[in-house]
Amino acid sequence: MTIQNTQQNDVLFQKLGNTWYCFTEVNAEVVYSALPEGMSPKTTSLELYEVIEEHMQKIAEHYQSPETAA
């Protein structure tokens, strides 16, 4: 039997200039990342949203401060 732990996070997309950014909350901190050039949340297929969520989780882990990592 496999138990799969899934967490659903709200994601905000904001366009600044010609670049789309995605914002979300991970571990009680707001993290953000620019979407790849040419990628738009208006035209992106839904299958890629899981990739975006995984990317945002990696960003949060990378930028965790030393006191929260302990």
N, C-alpha and C. Protein backbone atom coordinates (compact mmCIF):
# COMPACT_ATOMS: atom_id res chain seq x y z
N MET A 1 0.85 -1.18 0.00
CA MET A 1 0.00 0.00 0.00
C MET A 1 0.89 1.24 0.00
N THR A 2 0.63 2.15 -0.90
CA THR A 2 1.40 3.38 -1.01
C THR A 2 0.55 4.55 -0.56
N ILE A 3 1.10 5.34 0.33
CA ILE A 3 0.42 6.55 0.79
C ILE A 3 1.10 7.73 0.13
N GLN A 4 0.31 8.53 -0.54
CA GLN A 4 0.87 9.69 -1.23
C GLN A 4 0.45 10.95 -0.49
N ASN A 5 1.42 11.72 -0.07
CA ASN A 5 1.17 12.97 0.64
C ASN A 5 1.19 14.11 -0.36
N THR A 6 0.06 14.74 -0.57
CA THR A 6 0.01 15.87 -1.48
C THR A 6 -0.47 17.10 -0.74
N GLN A 7 0.08 18.20 -1.10
CA GLN A 7 -0.28 19.48 -0.50
C GLN A 7 -0.64 20.43 -1.62
N GLN A 8 -1.74 21.13 -1.44
CA GLN A 8 -2.16 22.07 -2.47
C GLN A 8 -1.87 23.48 -1.98
N ASN A 9 -1.14 24.24 -2.79
CA ASN A 9 -0.81 25.63 -2.47
C ASN A 9 -1.44 26.54 -3.51
N ASP A 10 -1.88 27.70 -3.05
CA ASP A 10 -2.35 28.70 -3.99
C ASP A 10 -1.14 29.34 -4.64
N VAL A 11 -1.26 29.62 -5.93
CA VAL A 11 -0.18 30.24 -6.68
C VAL A 11 -0.72 31.50 -7.34
N LEU A 12 0.00 32.59 -7.18
CA LEU A 12 -0.36 33.85 -7.81
C LEU A 12 0.59 34.10 -8.96
N PHE A 13 0.04 34.44 -10.12
CA PHE A 13 0.85 34.81 -11.27
C PHE A 13 0.73 36.30 -11.49
N GLN A 14 1.86 36.95 -11.72
CA GLN A 14 1.88 38.40 -11.93
C GLN A 14 2.86 38.70 -13.06
N LYS A 15 2.43 39.53 -13.99
CA LYS A 15 3.30 39.92 -15.08
C LYS A 15 3.91 41.27 -14.76
N LEU A 16 5.24 41.32 -14.79
CA LEU A 16 5.99 42.56 -14.57
C LEU A 16 6.84 42.79 -15.80
N GLY A 17 6.53 43.83 -16.55
CA GLY A 17 7.21 44.04 -17.83
C GLY A 17 6.79 42.95 -18.80
N ASN A 18 7.76 42.26 -19.37
CA ASN A 18 7.47 41.15 -20.30
C ASN A 18 7.60 39.79 -19.64
N THR A 19 7.84 39.75 -18.33
CA THR A 19 8.10 38.50 -17.63
C THR A 19 6.98 38.15 -16.67
N TRP A 20 6.54 36.91 -16.70
CA TRP A 20 5.56 36.41 -15.74
C TRP A 20 6.31 35.83 -14.53
N TYR A 21 5.79 36.10 -13.35
CA TYR A 21 6.33 35.56 -12.11
C TYR A 21 5.24 34.75 -11.42
N CYS A 22 5.66 33.74 -10.66
CA CYS A 22 4.71 33.01 -9.83
C CYS A 22 5.14 33.16 -8.38
N PHE A 23 4.16 33.35 -7.53
CA PHE A 23 4.35 33.53 -6.10
C PHE A 23 3.54 32.47 -5.37
N THR A 24 4.08 31.94 -4.29
CA THR A 24 3.34 30.99 -3.46
C THR A 24 3.92 31.03 -2.05
N GLU A 25 3.25 30.37 -1.15
CA GLU A 25 3.72 30.28 0.24
C GLU A 25 4.18 28.85 0.49
N VAL A 26 5.42 28.70 0.98
CA VAL A 26 5.98 27.41 1.32
C VAL A 26 6.60 27.52 2.69
N ASN A 27 6.19 26.66 3.59
CA ASN A 27 6.72 26.67 4.97
C ASN A 27 6.59 28.05 5.60
N ALA A 28 5.44 28.67 5.45
CA ALA A 28 5.11 29.97 6.05
C ALA A 28 5.96 31.12 5.51
N GLU A 29 6.58 30.93 4.35
CA GLU A 29 7.34 32.00 3.72
C GLU A 29 6.88 32.17 2.28
N VAL A 30 6.84 33.40 1.80
CA VAL A 30 6.47 33.67 0.42
C VAL A 30 7.72 33.51 -0.45
N VAL A 31 7.58 32.69 -1.50
CA VAL A 31 8.68 32.51 -2.45
C VAL A 31 8.16 32.85 -3.84
N TYR A 32 9.07 33.26 -4.72
CA TYR A 32 8.66 33.61 -6.07
C TYR A 32 9.76 33.21 -7.05
N SER A 33 9.34 33.09 -8.31
CA SER A 33 10.28 32.75 -9.36
C SER A 33 9.74 33.27 -10.68
N ALA A 34 10.64 33.67 -11.55
CA ALA A 34 10.25 34.07 -12.90
C ALA A 34 9.95 32.82 -13.70
N LEU A 35 8.92 32.88 -14.52
CA LEU A 35 8.63 31.78 -15.43
C LEU A 35 9.61 31.85 -16.59
N PRO A 36 9.90 30.72 -17.22
CA PRO A 36 10.81 30.75 -18.37
C PRO A 36 10.30 31.69 -19.45
N GLU A 37 11.21 32.27 -20.20
CA GLU A 37 10.85 33.21 -21.26
C GLU A 37 9.84 32.58 -22.22
N GLY A 38 8.79 33.32 -22.51
CA GLY A 38 7.77 32.84 -23.43
C GLY A 38 6.66 32.04 -22.76
N MET A 39 6.80 31.69 -21.49
CA MET A 39 5.78 30.91 -20.79
C MET A 39 4.78 31.86 -20.15
N SER A 40 3.51 31.57 -20.33
CA SER A 40 2.44 32.40 -19.79
C SER A 40 1.42 31.50 -19.10
N PRO A 41 0.94 31.87 -17.91
CA PRO A 41 -0.08 31.05 -17.25
C PRO A 41 -1.39 31.02 -18.03
N LYS A 42 -1.57 31.97 -18.94
CA LYS A 42 -2.80 32.02 -19.74
C LYS A 42 -2.79 30.96 -20.85
N THR A 43 -1.60 30.57 -21.30
CA THR A 43 -1.52 29.63 -22.41
C THR A 43 -0.85 28.31 -22.05
N THR A 44 -0.42 28.15 -20.80
CA THR A 44 0.27 26.94 -20.37
C THR A 44 -0.73 25.83 -20.07
N SER A 45 -0.43 24.61 -20.52
CA SER A 45 -1.33 23.50 -20.24
C SER A 45 -1.25 23.15 -18.76
N LEU A 46 -2.33 22.62 -18.23
CA LEU A 46 -2.42 22.34 -16.79
C LEU A 46 -1.40 21.32 -16.31
N GLU A 47 -0.89 20.47 -17.18
CA GLU A 47 0.09 19.47 -16.77
C GLU A 47 1.37 20.12 -16.24
N LEU A 48 1.67 21.33 -16.70
CA LEU A 48 2.91 21.99 -16.27
C LEU A 48 2.80 22.63 -14.89
N TYR A 49 1.59 22.77 -14.36
CA TYR A 49 1.45 23.39 -13.04
C TYR A 49 2.11 22.56 -11.95
N GLU A 50 2.11 21.24 -12.08
CA GLU A 50 2.79 20.39 -11.11
C GLU A 50 4.29 20.65 -11.15
N VAL A 51 4.83 20.86 -12.33
CA VAL A 51 6.26 21.18 -12.48
C VAL A 51 6.55 22.51 -11.79
N ILE A 52 5.66 23.48 -11.95
CA ILE A 52 5.84 24.79 -11.30
C ILE A 52 5.83 24.63 -9.78
N GLU A 53 4.90 23.83 -9.25
CA GLU A 53 4.83 23.62 -7.80
C GLU A 53 6.12 22.99 -7.28
N GLU A 54 6.64 21.98 -7.99
CA GLU A 54 7.89 21.35 -7.58
C GLU A 54 9.05 22.35 -7.63
N HIS A 55 9.07 23.18 -8.64
CA HIS A 55 10.12 24.20 -8.78
C HIS A 55 10.07 25.18 -7.60
N MET A 56 8.88 25.61 -7.23
CA MET A 56 8.74 26.56 -6.13
C MET A 56 9.18 25.92 -4.81
N GLN A 57 8.91 24.64 -4.62
CA GLN A 57 9.36 23.95 -3.42
C GLN A 57 10.88 23.91 -3.37
N LYS A 58 11.53 23.66 -4.50
CA LYS A 58 12.99 23.63 -4.55
C LYS A 58 13.57 25.01 -4.24
N ILE A 59 12.94 26.05 -4.74
CA ILE A 59 13.40 27.41 -4.45
C ILE A 59 13.32 27.68 -2.96
N ALA A 60 12.22 27.29 -2.34
CA ALA A 60 12.04 27.51 -0.91
C ALA A 60 13.11 26.78 -0.11
N GLU A 61 13.42 25.56 -0.51
CA GLU A 61 14.45 24.78 0.20
C GLU A 61 15.83 25.40 0.01
N HIS A 62 16.09 25.91 -1.18
CA HIS A 62 17.39 26.50 -1.47
C HIS A 62 17.64 27.78 -0.68
N TYR A 63 16.61 28.58 -0.50
CA TYR A 63 16.77 29.87 0.16
C TYR A 63 16.38 29.86 1.63
N GLN A 64 16.22 28.68 2.21
CA GLN A 64 15.88 28.60 3.63
C GLN A 64 17.00 29.20 4.46
N SER A 65 16.62 29.99 5.44
CA SER A 65 17.63 30.63 6.31
C SER A 65 18.19 29.58 7.28
N PRO A 66 19.42 29.78 7.77
CA PRO A 66 20.06 28.79 8.67
C PRO A 66 19.23 28.51 9.92
N GLU A 67 18.57 29.51 10.49
CA GLU A 67 17.83 29.27 11.72
C GLU A 67 16.57 28.45 11.48
N THR A 68 15.99 28.48 10.27
CA THR A 68 14.82 27.65 10.00
C THR A 68 15.20 26.26 9.54
N ALA A 69 16.44 26.09 9.09
CA ALA A 69 16.89 24.78 8.65
C ALA A 69 17.29 23.90 9.82
N ALA A 70 17.53 24.48 10.98
CA ALA A 70 17.98 23.70 12.14
C ALA A 70 16.88 22.94 12.79
